[in-house]
Every structure is written in structure tokens, then in C-alpha cells.
C-alpha atoms as a PDB file:
ATOM      1  CA  ALA A   1       0.000   0.000   0.000  1.00  0.00           C
ATOM      2  CA  ALA A   2       2.992   2.316  -0.282  1.00  0.00           C
ATOM      3  CA  SER A   3       2.478   5.385  -2.452  1.00  0.00           C
ATOM      4  CA  ILE A   4       4.630   5.993  -5.535  1.00  0.00           C
ATOM      5  CA  PRO A   5       5.940   9.487  -6.384  1.00  0.00           C
ATOM      6  CA  VAL A   6       4.497  10.660  -9.705  1.00  0.00           C
ATOM      7  CA  ARG A   7       7.894  11.941 -10.891  1.00  0.00           C
ATOM      8  CA  LEU A   8       9.178   8.360 -10.696  1.00  0.00           C
ATOM      9  CA  ILE A   9       6.658   6.924 -13.197  1.00  0.00           C
ATOM     10  CA  GLN A  10       7.373   6.468 -16.902  1.00  0.00           C
ATOM     11  CA  ASN A  11       4.059   4.798 -17.726  1.00  0.00           C
ATOM     12  CA  LEU A  12       1.298   2.905 -15.937  1.00  0.00           C
ATOM     13  CA  GLU A  13      -1.035   0.127 -17.106  1.00  0.00           C
ATOM     14  CA  ILE A  14      -3.969  -1.358 -15.201  1.00  0.00           C
ATOM     15  CA  TYR A  15      -5.489  -4.705 -16.177  1.00  0.00           C
ATOM     16  CA  THR A  16      -8.871  -5.647 -14.733  1.00  0.00           C
ATOM     17  CA  GLY A  17     -11.022  -8.659 -15.382  1.00  0.00           C
ATOM     18  CA  GLY A  18     -10.985 -12.304 -14.425  1.00  0.00           C
ATOM     19  CA  MET A  19      -8.156 -12.238 -11.890  1.00  0.00           C
ATOM     20  CA  PRO A  20      -9.394 -13.513  -8.512  1.00  0.00           C
ATOM     21  CA  ALA A  21      -9.886 -10.867  -5.843  1.00  0.00           C
ATOM     22  CA  GLU A  22      -8.006 -11.246  -2.576  1.00  0.00           C
ATOM     23  CA  PHE A  23     -11.033 -10.308  -0.470  1.00  0.00           C
ATOM     24  CA  GLY A  24     -14.724  -9.942  -1.269  1.00  0.00           C
ATOM     25  CA  ASP A  25     -16.857 -10.429  -4.338  1.00  0.00           C
ATOM     26  CA  ARG A  26     -15.201  -8.081  -6.769  1.00  0.00           C
ATOM     27  CA  LEU A  27     -12.892  -8.191  -9.756  1.00  0.00           C
ATOM     28  CA  GLY A  28      -9.149  -8.347  -9.332  1.00  0.00           C
ATOM     29  CA  ALA A  29      -6.598  -6.110 -11.034  1.00  0.00           C
ATOM     30  CA  VAL A  30      -2.924  -6.020 -11.955  1.00  0.00           C
ATOM     31  CA  VAL A  31      -0.983  -2.754 -11.943  1.00  0.00           C
ATOM     32  CA  ASN A  32       2.029  -2.700 -14.275  1.00  0.00           C
ATOM     33  CA  LEU A  33       4.200   0.308 -13.363  1.00  0.00           C
ATOM     34  CA  THR A  34       7.341   1.179 -15.321  1.00  0.00           C
ATOM     35  CA  THR A  35       9.783   3.509 -13.587  1.00  0.00           C
ATOM     36  CA  ARG A  36      11.719   6.136 -15.509  1.00  0.00           C
ATOM     37  CA  GLN A  37      15.203   5.389 -16.785  1.00  0.00           C
ATOM     38  CA  ALA A  38      18.118   7.220 -18.342  1.00  0.00           C
ATOM     39  CA  THR A  39      17.903   8.328 -21.970  1.00  0.00           C
ATOM     40  CA  ASP A  40      20.673   9.104 -24.446  1.00  0.00           C
ATOM     41  CA  HIS A  41      21.069  12.647 -23.067  1.00  0.00           C
ATOM     42  CA  PRO A  42      21.297  13.801 -19.427  1.00  0.00           C
ATOM     43  CA  GLU A  43      18.073  15.333 -18.142  1.00  0.00           C
ATOM     44  CA  GLY A  44      16.736  16.550 -14.848  1.00  0.00           C
ATOM     45  CA  SER A  45      14.178  18.737 -13.155  1.00  0.00           C
ATOM     46  CA  VAL A  46      13.810  20.883 -10.048  1.00  0.00           C
ATOM     47  CA  GLN A  47      10.398  21.759  -8.665  1.00  0.00           C
ATOM     48  CA  VAL A  48       9.114  23.683  -5.653  1.00  0.00           C
ATOM     49  CA  ARG A  49       5.433  23.907  -4.733  1.00  0.00           C
ATOM     50  CA  TYR A  50       3.873  25.998  -1.988  1.00  0.00           C
ATOM     51  CA  GLY A  51       0.321  26.006  -0.625  1.00  0.00           C
ATOM     52  CA  SER A  52      -1.888  26.884   2.311  1.00  0.00           C
ATOM     53  CA  TYR A  53      -1.030  25.895   5.894  1.00  0.00           C
ATOM     54  CA  HIS A  54       2.649  26.562   5.073  1.00  0.00           C
ATOM     55  CA  THR A  55       2.787  23.508   2.828  1.00  0.00           C
ATOM     56  CA  VAL A  56       6.014  23.340   0.838  1.00  0.00           C
ATOM     57  CA  GLU A  57       7.246  20.557  -1.472  1.00  0.00           C
ATOM     58  CA  PRO A  58      10.656  20.749  -3.134  1.00  0.00           C
ATOM     59  CA  GLY A  59      11.693  17.918  -5.460  1.00  0.00           C
ATOM     60  CA  VAL A  60      14.529  17.042  -7.815  1.00  0.00           C
ATOM     61  CA  THR A  61      15.182  14.304 -10.407  1.00  0.00           C
ATOM     62  CA  TYR A  62      18.185  13.534 -12.602  1.00  0.00           C
ATOM     63  CA  ALA A  63      18.937  10.873 -15.219  1.00  0.00           C
ATOM     64  CA  THR A  64      22.098  10.202 -17.194  1.00  0.00           C
ATOM     65  CA  LYS A  65      24.077   7.514 -18.977  1.00  0.00           C
ATOM     66  CA  LEU A  66      27.226   6.632 -17.028  1.00  0.00           C
ATOM     67  CA  THR A  67      28.575   4.527 -19.916  1.00  0.00           C
ATOM     68  CA  ASP A  68      27.147   3.149 -23.144  1.00  0.00           C
ATOM     69  CA  THR A  69      25.650   0.224 -21.228  1.00  0.00           C
ATOM     70  CA  VAL A  70      24.938   1.695 -17.759  1.00  0.00           C
ATOM     71  CA  GLY A  71      22.233   4.246 -16.999  1.00  0.00           C
ATOM     72  CA  MET A  72      21.140   5.903 -13.759  1.00  0.00           C
ATOM     73  CA  PHE A  73      17.983   7.692 -12.645  1.00  0.00           C
ATOM     74  CA  GLY A  74      17.397   9.161  -9.199  1.00  0.00           C
ATOM     75  CA  GLY A  75      15.455  11.745  -7.298  1.00  0.00           C
ATOM     76  CA  ALA A  76      14.310  13.051  -3.963  1.00  0.00           C
ATOM     77  CA  SER A  77      11.447  15.095  -2.556  1.00  0.00           C
ATOM     78  CA  ILE A  78      10.105  16.325   0.763  1.00  0.00           C
ATOM     79  CA  VAL A  79       6.690  17.642   1.789  1.00  0.00           C
ATOM     80  CA  ALA A  80       6.204  19.645   4.981  1.00  0.00           C
ATOM     81  CA  SER A  81       2.893  21.073   6.172  1.00  0.00           C
ATOM     82  CA  ASP A  82       1.108  22.487   9.202  1.00  0.00           C
ATOM     83  CA  ARG A  83      -1.859  20.294   8.189  1.00  0.00           C
ATOM     84  CA  ALA A  84      -0.218  16.933   7.633  1.00  0.00           C
ATOM     85  CA  LEU A  85      -3.078  14.479   8.314  1.00  0.00           C
ATOM     86  CA  ASP A  86      -5.916  16.791   7.224  1.00  0.00           C
ATOM     87  CA  PRO A  87      -8.353  16.021  10.078  1.00  0.00           C
ATOM     88  CA  PRO A  88     -12.048  16.935   9.653  1.00  0.00           C
ATOM     89  CA  SER A  89     -11.803  20.256  11.503  1.00  0.00           C
ATOM     90  CA  VAL A  90     -11.626  23.764  10.138  1.00  0.00           C
ATOM     91  CA  ASP A  91      -8.619  24.744  12.243  1.00  0.00           C
ATOM     92  CA  PRO A  92      -6.758  21.613  13.386  1.00  0.00           C
ATOM     93  CA  LEU A  93      -4.516  21.595  16.431  1.00  0.00           C
ATOM     94  CA  HIS A  94      -1.162  19.802  16.666  1.00  0.00           C
ATOM     95  CA  ASP A  95      -1.038  18.649  13.049  1.00  0.00           C
ATOM     96  CA  THR A  96       2.387  19.445  11.577  1.00  0.00           C
ATOM     97  CA  GLY A  97       4.403  16.814   9.748  1.00  0.00           C
ATOM     98  CA  TYR A  98       6.694  15.995   6.862  1.00  0.00           C
ATOM     99  CA  THR A  99       7.358  13.219   4.359  1.00  0.00           C
ATOM    100  CA  GLY A 100      10.703  12.648   2.659  1.00  0.00           C
ATOM    101  CA  ARG A 101      11.457  10.265  -0.234  1.00  0.00           C
ATOM    102  CA  VAL A 102      14.507   9.207  -2.200  1.00  0.00           C
ATOM    103  CA  PHE A 103      14.653   6.728  -5.078  1.00  0.00           C
ATOM    104  CA  ALA A 104      17.197   5.446  -7.563  1.00  0.00           C
ATOM    105  CA  ARG A 105      17.382   3.056 -10.502  1.00  0.00           C
ATOM    106  CA  VAL A 106      20.491   1.671 -12.216  1.00  0.00           C
ATOM    107  CA  ASP A 107      20.341  -0.295 -15.494  1.00  0.00           C
ATOM    108  CA  TRP A 108      23.125  -2.397 -16.989  1.00  0.00           C
ATOM    109  CA  GLN A 109      22.688  -3.851 -20.469  1.00  0.00           C
ATOM    110  CA  GLN A 110      25.476  -6.419 -20.327  1.00  0.00           C
ATOM    111  CA  CYS A 111      24.786  -7.694 -23.834  1.00  0.00           C
ATOM    112  CA  ASP A 112      21.873  -8.170 -26.222  1.00  0.00           C
ATOM    113  CA  CYS A 113      20.607 -11.077 -24.118  1.00  0.00           C
ATOM    114  CA  ASN A 114      21.320 -10.082 -20.509  1.00  0.00           C
ATOM    115  CA  ARG A 115      20.044  -7.053 -18.614  1.00  0.00           C
ATOM    116  CA  TYR A 116      20.307  -6.096 -14.927  1.00  0.00           C
ATOM    117  CA  GLU A 117      18.147  -3.529 -13.130  1.00  0.00           C
ATOM    118  CA  LEU A 118      18.526  -2.331  -9.542  1.00  0.00           C
ATOM    119  CA  PHE A 119      15.741  -0.222  -8.052  1.00  0.00           C
ATOM    120  CA  ALA A 120      15.444   1.173  -4.515  1.00  0.00           C
ATOM    121  CA  THR A 121      13.173   3.679  -2.777  1.00  0.00           C
ATOM    122  CA  TYR A 122      13.041   4.908   0.811  1.00  0.00           C
ATOM    123  CA  ALA A 123      10.410   7.049   2.535  1.00  0.00           C
ATOM    124  CA  HIS A 124      10.426   8.620   6.001  1.00  0.00           C
ATOM    125  CA  ASN A 125       7.272  10.146   7.492  1.00  0.00           C
ATOM    126  CA  ARG A 126       6.846  11.986  10.776  1.00  0.00           C
ATOM    127  CA  PHE A 127       3.642  13.694  11.830  1.00  0.00           C
ATOM    128  CA  GLN A 128       1.824  14.869  14.925  1.00  0.00           C
ATOM    129  CA  ILE A 129      -1.417  13.218  16.051  1.00  0.00           C
ATOM    130  CA  PRO A 130      -4.117  15.931  15.736  1.00  0.00           C
ATOM    131  CA  LEU A 131      -6.129  17.068  18.721  1.00  0.00           C
ATOM    132  CA  ASP A 132      -9.881  17.634  18.589  1.00  0.00           C
ATOM    133  CA  PRO A 133     -10.404  21.383  19.107  1.00  0.00           C
ATOM    134  CA  ALA A 134     -14.070  20.785  19.997  1.00  0.00           C
ATOM    135  CA  ALA A 135     -13.315  18.484  22.948  1.00  0.00           C
ATOM    136  CA  THR A 136     -13.739  20.096  26.367  1.00  0.00           C
ATOM    137  CA  ARG A 137     -12.767  19.032  29.869  1.00  0.00           C
ATOM    138  CA  PHE A 138     -15.126  16.728  31.747  1.00  0.00           C
ATOM    139  CA  ASP A 139     -17.530  18.585  33.991  1.00  0.00           C
ATOM    140  CA  PRO A 140     -19.731  16.381  36.266  1.00  0.00           C
ATOM    141  CA  ALA A 141     -22.193  19.238  36.699  1.00  0.00           C
ATOM    142  CA  ASN A 142     -22.595  19.697  32.943  1.00  0.00           C
ATOM    143  CA  PRO A 143     -21.891  16.416  31.101  1.00  0.00           C
ATOM    144  CA  ARG A 144     -21.868  16.562  27.341  1.00  0.00           C
ATOM    145  CA  PRO A 145     -24.653  14.583  25.658  1.00  0.00           C
ATOM    146  CA  PRO A 146     -23.959  11.949  22.973  1.00  0.00           C
ATOM    147  CA  ASP A 147     -23.933  13.071  19.365  1.00  0.00           C
ATOM    148  CA  ARG A 148     -26.851  12.506  16.981  1.00  0.00           C
ATOM    149  CA  PHE A 149     -25.569   8.977  16.222  1.00  0.00           C
ATOM    150  CA  GLY A 150     -25.443   7.974  19.888  1.00  0.00           C
ATOM    151  CA  ASN A 151     -21.654   8.132  20.230  1.00  0.00           C
ATOM    152  CA  ASP A 152     -20.115   9.374  23.446  1.00  0.00           C
ATOM    153  CA  ALA A 153     -18.441  12.754  23.368  1.00  0.00           C
ATOM    154  CA  PRO A 154     -14.767  12.571  22.332  1.00  0.00           C
ATOM    155  CA  ALA A 155     -12.256  12.304  25.139  1.00  0.00           C
ATOM    156  CA  PHE A 156     -10.539  15.520  26.116  1.00  0.00           C
ATOM    157  CA  VAL A 157      -6.815  15.603  25.334  1.00  0.00           C
ATOM    158  CA  PRO A 158      -4.724  18.355  26.962  1.00  0.00           C
ATOM    159  CA  ARG A 159      -3.552  20.945  24.449  1.00  0.00           C
ATOM    160  CA  ASP A 160       0.101  20.381  25.367  1.00  0.00           C
ATOM    161  CA  THR A 161      -0.015  16.644  24.499  1.00  0.00           C
ATOM    162  CA  ASP A 162       2.691  15.819  21.944  1.00  0.00           C
ATOM    163  CA  ALA A 163       1.710  12.459  20.446  1.00  0.00           C
ATOM    164  CA  THR A 164       3.582  11.691  17.203  1.00  0.00           C
ATOM    165  CA  GLU A 165       4.067   8.864  14.733  1.00  0.00           C
ATOM    166  CA  THR A 166       7.169   8.039  12.700  1.00  0.00           C
ATOM    167  CA  GLU A 167       7.119   5.689   9.699  1.00  0.00           C
ATOM    168  CA  ASP A 168       9.884   4.210   7.551  1.00  0.00           C
ATOM    169  CA  GLU A 169       9.428   2.346   4.264  1.00  0.00           C
ATOM    170  CA  LEU A 170      12.199   0.721   2.264  1.00  0.00           C
ATOM    171  CA  PHE A 171      11.819  -1.219  -0.973  1.00  0.00           C
ATOM    172  CA  ALA A 172      14.601  -2.662  -3.133  1.00  0.00           C
ATOM    173  CA  ALA A 173      14.523  -5.017  -6.109  1.00  0.00           C
ATOM    174  CA  LEU A 174      17.216  -6.507  -8.330  1.00  0.00           C
ATOM    175  CA  ALA A 175      16.004  -7.867 -11.664  1.00  0.00           C
ATOM    176  CA  PHE A 176      17.886 -10.063 -14.137  1.00  0.00           C
ATOM    177  CA  THR A 177      16.386 -10.578 -17.590  1.00  0.00           C
ATOM    178  CA  HIS A 178      17.717 -13.082 -20.113  1.00  0.00           C
ATOM    179  CA  LYS A 179      16.228 -13.100 -23.609  1.00  0.00           C
ATOM    180  CA  LEU A 180      15.555 -16.495 -25.148  1.00  0.00           C
ATOM    181  CA  GLU A 181      14.819 -17.347 -28.738  1.00  0.00           C
ATOM    182  CA  HIS A 182      11.059 -17.499 -28.101  1.00  0.00           C
ATOM    183  CA  GLY A 183      10.605 -15.592 -24.847  1.00  0.00           C
ATOM    184  CA  GLN A 184      12.564 -14.422 -21.851  1.00  0.00           C
ATOM    185  CA  PHE A 185      13.666 -15.525 -18.401  1.00  0.00           C
ATOM    186  CA  LEU A 186      13.237 -13.103 -15.480  1.00  0.00           C
ATOM    187  CA  VAL A 187      14.431 -13.354 -11.859  1.00  0.00           C
ATOM    188  CA  ALA A 188      13.674 -10.459  -9.501  1.00  0.00           C
ATOM    189  CA  PRO A 189      14.270 -10.890  -5.754  1.00  0.00           C
ATOM    190  CA  LEU A 190      13.009  -7.993  -3.652  1.00  0.00           C
ATOM    191  CA  TYR A 191      13.155  -6.670  -0.099  1.00  0.00           C
ATOM    192  CA  LYS A 192      10.494  -4.607   1.681  1.00  0.00           C
ATOM    193  CA  LEU A 193      10.575  -2.987   5.116  1.00  0.00           C
ATOM    194  CA  SER A 194       7.663  -1.145   6.711  1.00  0.00           C
ATOM    195  CA  ARG A 195       8.019   0.168  10.246  1.00  0.00           C
ATOM    196  CA  GLY A 196       5.978   2.543  12.384  1.00  0.00           C
ATOM    197  CA  VAL A 197       6.646   3.985  15.832  1.00  0.00           C
ATOM    198  CA  LEU A 198       3.811   5.652  17.750  1.00  0.00           C
ATOM    199  CA  PHE A 199       4.755   7.959  20.623  1.00  0.00           C
ATOM    200  CA  GLY A 200       1.588   8.286  22.699  1.00  0.00           C
ATOM    201  CA  ASP A 201       2.432  11.173  25.015  1.00  0.00           C
ATOM    202  CA  ALA A 202       0.469  10.481  28.192  1.00  0.00           C
END
């Protein structure tokens, strides 16, 4: 379920139909994503976006041919905002955060039959757990009634509570492709790490 930076994608194909679904009574799908790679000429881009709630997103990509048979493509980006998790409140409290990503791809065309591809991406997220600005302290003399759906009033969290979550995602794959006379042989071992640390400030 990891997200893919748009600047990393060369093209994207989605096949739907008779593939079995993992859960439920619905059709399955296969997503075929091709990452960008180096072309004959060096190319790159630098981008900076800015928005409301002090949201800023700088990003950079670069691709080049190291030799006639080896190409490299890489990039990095970071997004920082005062409204990281976008809670359903007009003016959220305690909601800053950032997301940083780096990715790289190296291709080696050893000969007409053999090709090696190494791809790796790493993402680091850190964000504050938002506080409900509508929650008030418990008052035995004036208890808050349930909402219109019968749910109890949300628990009051002190405004100085500093609960945060940190996430790390790492994905790496090494692919070897050998062309045969009537087809090809592909081996692609991969490694994936997904880790989250919740700091629940009492």
C-alpha cells in the first residue's frame, strides 16, 4: 500500500477482469508500473510547490548515462505542512508533519541477451497526532450529551499533548532478464521494510 511518487513513473497500465480478488466479491486487477530510466542525453528537473497551511514541497530528479551500457535515474522530494493528516476540523490543532522520499534506478545492459536492473526507494514520514479542538474538559455538573448517532463525546486531550508517529518504508529489487529465442527468463528478488513507531504522550 505504499504510495509511488508521480515523478518516478514512466508509464502505468492497469489490467482488470478475471483475476481472482483477494477479499470480497469483486474483480481483481494487476498494476504494471514502469519507472523512468536514463535516456541518451542527461536530463533533470527541479520543482518547488507551496500552498496553504505553510505547505512546501521541493523535489529534484536527474537521469544520465554513465557509460554506453549503464544508466542511472534518481530523485528526492520532501513535503512539509502544518496540516499533515488533514483532520475533519476547520482549524486543526497539533497537526504538523513531513514526508521525505529518495529513489534510484540503475540499469546495466550487459549484452543483447542479458540485462540487470537495480531499483530502490526509501520514505520517512513523521507527523503529529491531531487534537480535537471541539473536545472540552469533563464537567460532572454539565456532562456533554452523545452526538446525533449515539456516540459518546470525544475524550478531552490536553492541548500540550505531543503524540507523534514516525514511519519508515524501504523497498529494493534486483532484476535479471535473459532473452531467449522465443521468450525471456526473469528473476527479480526484492526486499520490503515497513516500520511505524507511535509515541503516545500520556
